[in-house]
Amino acid sequence: MWVLRLLKIVVLAGAALFALYQVGLFILVLWYGFYNPSSTAVMQQTLRELRRDNPEAQLRHQWVAYDQISTHLKRAVVASEDSNFINHSGVEWQDIRR
């Protein structure tokens, strides 16, 4: 009897942690919908590499509205991430089953 009770507590705690994680991700998505990050991981890595040769190196960037980005560039990014994107609904179920 106590084993079932303990199992129930563990399952509920796991579900609560999962739900909290999902809420956190949702909040991040909302946040980045309104505020652009000051830098990205790629930018930070590039800056570290540049600063090996020049400790005073800096990166300059300017955010561009999504509508101002070329359709060709948008498609190229999608194609580079998923060459089969056009042929499925956004999820490759065969790959998930593996």
N, C-alpha and C. Protein backbone atom coordinates (compact mmCIF):
# COMPACT_ATOMS: atom_id res chain seq x y z
N MET A 1 0.82 -1.19 0.00
CA MET A 1 0.00 0.00 0.00
C MET A 1 0.87 1.27 0.00
N TRP A 2 1.91 1.27 0.85
CA TRP A 2 2.77 2.45 0.90
C TRP A 2 3.58 2.60 -0.38
N VAL A 3 3.83 1.48 -1.08
CA VAL A 3 4.57 1.53 -2.34
C VAL A 3 3.74 2.26 -3.39
N LEU A 4 2.45 1.96 -3.45
CA LEU A 4 1.57 2.64 -4.41
C LEU A 4 1.49 4.14 -4.10
N ARG A 5 1.45 4.45 -2.83
CA ARG A 5 1.38 5.86 -2.43
C ARG A 5 2.66 6.59 -2.83
N LEU A 6 3.80 5.95 -2.59
CA LEU A 6 5.08 6.53 -2.97
C LEU A 6 5.18 6.68 -4.49
N LEU A 7 4.72 5.67 -5.22
CA LEU A 7 4.73 5.73 -6.68
C LEU A 7 3.87 6.89 -7.17
N LYS A 8 2.72 7.07 -6.56
CA LYS A 8 1.82 8.16 -6.93
C LYS A 8 2.50 9.51 -6.69
N ILE A 9 3.18 9.65 -5.57
CA ILE A 9 3.88 10.90 -5.25
C ILE A 9 4.99 11.16 -6.26
N VAL A 10 5.74 10.12 -6.60
CA VAL A 10 6.84 10.27 -7.57
C VAL A 10 6.30 10.66 -8.94
N VAL A 11 5.22 10.01 -9.36
CA VAL A 11 4.63 10.32 -10.67
C VAL A 11 4.09 11.75 -10.68
N LEU A 12 3.40 12.14 -9.63
CA LEU A 12 2.87 13.51 -9.56
C LEU A 12 3.99 14.54 -9.53
N ALA A 13 5.06 14.25 -8.79
CA ALA A 13 6.20 15.18 -8.74
C ALA A 13 6.85 15.29 -10.12
N GLY A 14 6.99 14.16 -10.80
CA GLY A 14 7.56 14.19 -12.15
C GLY A 14 6.70 14.98 -13.11
N ALA A 15 5.38 14.77 -13.02
CA ALA A 15 4.46 15.51 -13.89
C ALA A 15 4.52 17.01 -13.58
N ALA A 16 4.62 17.35 -12.30
CA ALA A 16 4.71 18.76 -11.92
C ALA A 16 5.99 19.39 -12.45
N LEU A 17 7.11 18.69 -12.35
CA LEU A 17 8.37 19.20 -12.87
C LEU A 17 8.32 19.37 -14.38
N PHE A 18 7.73 18.41 -15.06
CA PHE A 18 7.59 18.50 -16.51
C PHE A 18 6.72 19.69 -16.89
N ALA A 19 5.61 19.88 -16.18
CA ALA A 19 4.72 21.01 -16.46
C ALA A 19 5.43 22.33 -16.21
N LEU A 20 6.20 22.40 -15.14
CA LEU A 20 6.95 23.61 -14.82
C LEU A 20 7.99 23.91 -15.91
N TYR A 21 8.64 22.87 -16.39
CA TYR A 21 9.61 23.02 -17.48
C TYR A 21 8.92 23.56 -18.74
N GLN A 22 7.76 23.02 -19.07
CA GLN A 22 7.02 23.47 -20.24
C GLN A 22 6.58 24.92 -20.11
N VAL A 23 6.13 25.31 -18.92
CA VAL A 23 5.74 26.70 -18.69
C VAL A 23 6.95 27.61 -18.87
N GLY A 24 8.10 27.18 -18.37
CA GLY A 24 9.32 27.97 -18.54
C GLY A 24 9.68 28.16 -20.01
N LEU A 25 9.57 27.10 -20.79
CA LEU A 25 9.85 27.21 -22.23
C LEU A 25 8.86 28.15 -22.91
N PHE A 26 7.59 28.05 -22.52
CA PHE A 26 6.56 28.91 -23.09
C PHE A 26 6.87 30.38 -22.79
N ILE A 27 7.28 30.65 -21.56
CA ILE A 27 7.62 32.03 -21.18
C ILE A 27 8.81 32.53 -21.99
N LEU A 28 9.81 31.68 -22.20
CA LEU A 28 10.96 32.08 -23.03
C LEU A 28 10.54 32.41 -24.46
N VAL A 29 9.67 31.58 -25.02
CA VAL A 29 9.19 31.84 -26.39
C VAL A 29 8.46 33.17 -26.44
N LEU A 30 7.60 33.43 -25.46
CA LEU A 30 6.90 34.71 -25.42
C LEU A 30 7.89 35.87 -25.28
N TRP A 31 8.85 35.72 -24.39
CA TRP A 31 9.84 36.77 -24.14
C TRP A 31 10.58 37.13 -25.43
N TYR A 32 11.11 36.12 -26.12
CA TYR A 32 11.88 36.39 -27.32
C TYR A 32 11.00 36.85 -28.48
N GLY A 33 9.70 36.74 -28.35
CA GLY A 33 8.80 37.31 -29.35
C GLY A 33 8.76 38.83 -29.28
N PHE A 34 9.10 39.38 -28.11
CA PHE A 34 9.05 40.82 -27.91
C PHE A 34 10.43 41.47 -27.74
N TYR A 35 11.41 40.69 -27.27
CA TYR A 35 12.74 41.24 -26.99
C TYR A 35 13.80 40.41 -27.70
N ASN A 36 14.65 41.10 -28.45
CA ASN A 36 15.76 40.41 -29.12
C ASN A 36 16.90 40.21 -28.13
N PRO A 37 17.55 39.05 -28.18
CA PRO A 37 18.69 38.83 -27.28
C PRO A 37 19.84 39.76 -27.66
N SER A 38 20.64 40.12 -26.68
CA SER A 38 21.77 41.02 -26.95
C SER A 38 22.85 40.31 -27.76
N SER A 39 22.93 38.98 -27.62
CA SER A 39 23.87 38.19 -28.41
C SER A 39 23.39 36.74 -28.44
N THR A 40 23.99 35.98 -29.32
CA THR A 40 23.67 34.56 -29.42
C THR A 40 24.90 33.74 -29.05
N ALA A 41 24.74 32.46 -28.89
CA ALA A 41 25.87 31.59 -28.56
C ALA A 41 26.92 31.64 -29.67
N VAL A 42 26.49 31.68 -30.91
CA VAL A 42 27.43 31.75 -32.03
C VAL A 42 28.21 33.06 -31.99
N MET A 43 27.50 34.15 -31.70
CA MET A 43 28.18 35.45 -31.61
C MET A 43 29.20 35.47 -30.48
N GLN A 44 28.85 34.90 -29.34
CA GLN A 44 29.76 34.87 -28.20
C GLN A 44 31.00 34.03 -28.51
N GLN A 45 30.81 32.89 -29.18
CA GLN A 45 31.94 32.05 -29.56
C GLN A 45 32.84 32.77 -30.56
N THR A 46 32.24 33.43 -31.53
CA THR A 46 33.01 34.18 -32.52
C THR A 46 33.82 35.27 -31.85
N LEU A 47 33.21 35.97 -30.90
CA LEU A 47 33.91 37.03 -30.19
C LEU A 47 35.09 36.48 -29.39
N ARG A 48 34.90 35.33 -28.74
CA ARG A 48 36.01 34.71 -28.01
C ARG A 48 37.17 34.39 -28.95
N GLU A 49 36.85 33.86 -30.13
CA GLU A 49 37.90 33.53 -31.09
C GLU A 49 38.61 34.79 -31.59
N LEU A 50 37.85 35.84 -31.85
CA LEU A 50 38.46 37.09 -32.31
C LEU A 50 39.35 37.70 -31.24
N ARG A 51 38.95 37.57 -29.99
CA ARG A 51 39.70 38.19 -28.90
C ARG A 51 41.00 37.45 -28.57
N ARG A 52 41.18 36.28 -29.11
CA ARG A 52 42.47 35.60 -28.95
C ARG A 52 43.58 36.41 -29.63
N ASP A 53 43.26 36.94 -30.80
CA ASP A 53 44.23 37.74 -31.55
C ASP A 53 44.17 39.22 -31.18
N ASN A 54 42.98 39.70 -30.87
CA ASN A 54 42.78 41.12 -30.56
C ASN A 54 41.87 41.23 -29.34
N PRO A 55 42.44 41.42 -28.15
CA PRO A 55 41.63 41.47 -26.92
C PRO A 55 40.57 42.56 -26.91
N GLU A 56 40.69 43.54 -27.79
CA GLU A 56 39.71 44.63 -27.82
C GLU A 56 38.67 44.44 -28.92
N ALA A 57 38.65 43.30 -29.57
CA ALA A 57 37.71 43.05 -30.66
C ALA A 57 36.27 43.13 -30.15
N GLN A 58 35.40 43.62 -31.01
CA GLN A 58 33.97 43.71 -30.69
C GLN A 58 33.17 43.31 -31.91
N LEU A 59 31.98 42.81 -31.65
CA LEU A 59 31.05 42.49 -32.74
C LEU A 59 30.00 43.58 -32.81
N ARG A 60 29.63 43.91 -34.03
CA ARG A 60 28.53 44.86 -34.22
C ARG A 60 27.44 44.14 -35.01
N HIS A 61 26.22 44.31 -34.58
CA HIS A 61 25.11 43.70 -35.31
C HIS A 61 23.89 44.60 -35.21
N GLN A 62 22.98 44.39 -36.14
CA GLN A 62 21.74 45.16 -36.14
C GLN A 62 20.60 44.19 -36.46
N TRP A 63 19.61 44.15 -35.59
CA TRP A 63 18.47 43.28 -35.82
C TRP A 63 17.65 43.81 -36.98
N VAL A 64 17.12 42.90 -37.78
CA VAL A 64 16.31 43.23 -38.94
C VAL A 64 14.94 42.59 -38.75
N ALA A 65 13.90 43.32 -39.10
CA ALA A 65 12.54 42.77 -39.00
C ALA A 65 12.41 41.55 -39.91
N TYR A 66 11.64 40.59 -39.47
CA TYR A 66 11.47 39.34 -40.23
C TYR A 66 10.99 39.62 -41.65
N ASP A 67 10.11 40.59 -41.81
CA ASP A 67 9.58 40.92 -43.14
C ASP A 67 10.65 41.46 -44.08
N GLN A 68 11.75 41.96 -43.53
CA GLN A 68 12.82 42.51 -44.36
C GLN A 68 13.83 41.46 -44.80
N ILE A 69 13.69 40.25 -44.28
CA ILE A 69 14.61 39.18 -44.65
C ILE A 69 14.13 38.54 -45.95
N SER A 70 15.04 38.34 -46.87
CA SER A 70 14.71 37.76 -48.17
C SER A 70 14.04 36.40 -48.02
N THR A 71 13.02 36.16 -48.81
CA THR A 71 12.34 34.86 -48.82
C THR A 71 13.32 33.75 -49.18
N HIS A 72 14.25 34.05 -50.08
CA HIS A 72 15.25 33.06 -50.47
C HIS A 72 16.13 32.66 -49.29
N LEU A 73 16.51 33.62 -48.47
CA LEU A 73 17.32 33.31 -47.29
C LEU A 73 16.52 32.47 -46.29
N LYS A 74 15.27 32.81 -46.09
CA LYS A 74 14.42 32.03 -45.17
C LYS A 74 14.32 30.58 -45.63
N ARG A 75 14.10 30.40 -46.92
CA ARG A 75 13.99 29.04 -47.46
C ARG A 75 15.32 28.30 -47.38
N ALA A 76 16.41 29.01 -47.59
CA ALA A 76 17.74 28.38 -47.51
C ALA A 76 18.01 27.89 -46.09
N VAL A 77 17.60 28.66 -45.10
CA VAL A 77 17.80 28.25 -43.71
C VAL A 77 16.99 27.00 -43.42
N VAL A 78 15.73 26.97 -43.86
CA VAL A 78 14.89 25.79 -43.65
C VAL A 78 15.49 24.59 -44.36
N ALA A 79 15.94 24.78 -45.59
CA ALA A 79 16.52 23.67 -46.35
C ALA A 79 17.79 23.15 -45.70
N SER A 80 18.57 24.03 -45.12
CA SER A 80 19.81 23.57 -44.49
C SER A 80 19.52 22.81 -43.20
N GLU A 81 18.44 23.14 -42.54
CA GLU A 81 18.07 22.44 -41.31
C GLU A 81 17.38 21.11 -41.60
N ASP A 82 16.57 21.09 -42.64
CA ASP A 82 15.76 19.90 -42.93
C ASP A 82 15.49 19.84 -44.42
N SER A 83 16.29 19.09 -45.14
CA SER A 83 16.15 19.04 -46.59
C SER A 83 14.84 18.40 -47.03
N ASN A 84 14.15 17.71 -46.14
CA ASN A 84 12.89 17.05 -46.48
C ASN A 84 11.68 17.82 -45.94
N PHE A 85 11.88 19.06 -45.53
CA PHE A 85 10.83 19.83 -44.88
C PHE A 85 9.58 19.98 -45.75
N ILE A 86 9.77 20.18 -47.02
CA ILE A 86 8.64 20.40 -47.93
C ILE A 86 7.73 19.17 -47.99
N ASN A 87 8.27 17.98 -47.74
CA ASN A 87 7.52 16.74 -47.91
C ASN A 87 6.84 16.22 -46.65
N HIS A 88 6.93 16.94 -45.55
CA HIS A 88 6.23 16.49 -44.34
C HIS A 88 5.59 17.68 -43.64
N SER A 89 4.82 17.41 -42.62
CA SER A 89 4.05 18.46 -41.95
C SER A 89 4.81 19.13 -40.82
N GLY A 90 6.11 19.07 -40.83
CA GLY A 90 6.89 19.71 -39.79
C GLY A 90 7.55 18.72 -38.84
N VAL A 91 7.10 17.47 -38.87
CA VAL A 91 7.66 16.43 -38.01
C VAL A 91 7.94 15.20 -38.86
N GLU A 92 9.13 14.67 -38.76
CA GLU A 92 9.46 13.44 -39.47
C GLU A 92 9.24 12.27 -38.52
N TRP A 93 8.06 11.68 -38.60
CA TRP A 93 7.66 10.63 -37.65
C TRP A 93 8.56 9.40 -37.75
N GLN A 94 9.07 9.09 -38.95
CA GLN A 94 9.96 7.94 -39.09
C GLN A 94 11.23 8.13 -38.26
N ASP A 95 11.75 9.35 -38.26
CA ASP A 95 12.97 9.62 -37.49
C ASP A 95 12.71 9.60 -36.00
N ILE A 96 11.54 10.00 -35.59
CA ILE A 96 11.20 9.98 -34.16
C ILE A 96 11.09 8.55 -33.66
N ARG A 97 10.58 7.65 -34.50
CA ARG A 97 10.42 6.24 -34.10
C ARG A 97 11.75 5.54 -33.89
N ARG A 98 12.83 6.04 -34.49
CA ARG A 98 14.14 5.38 -34.39
C ARG A 98 14.68 5.41 -33.01
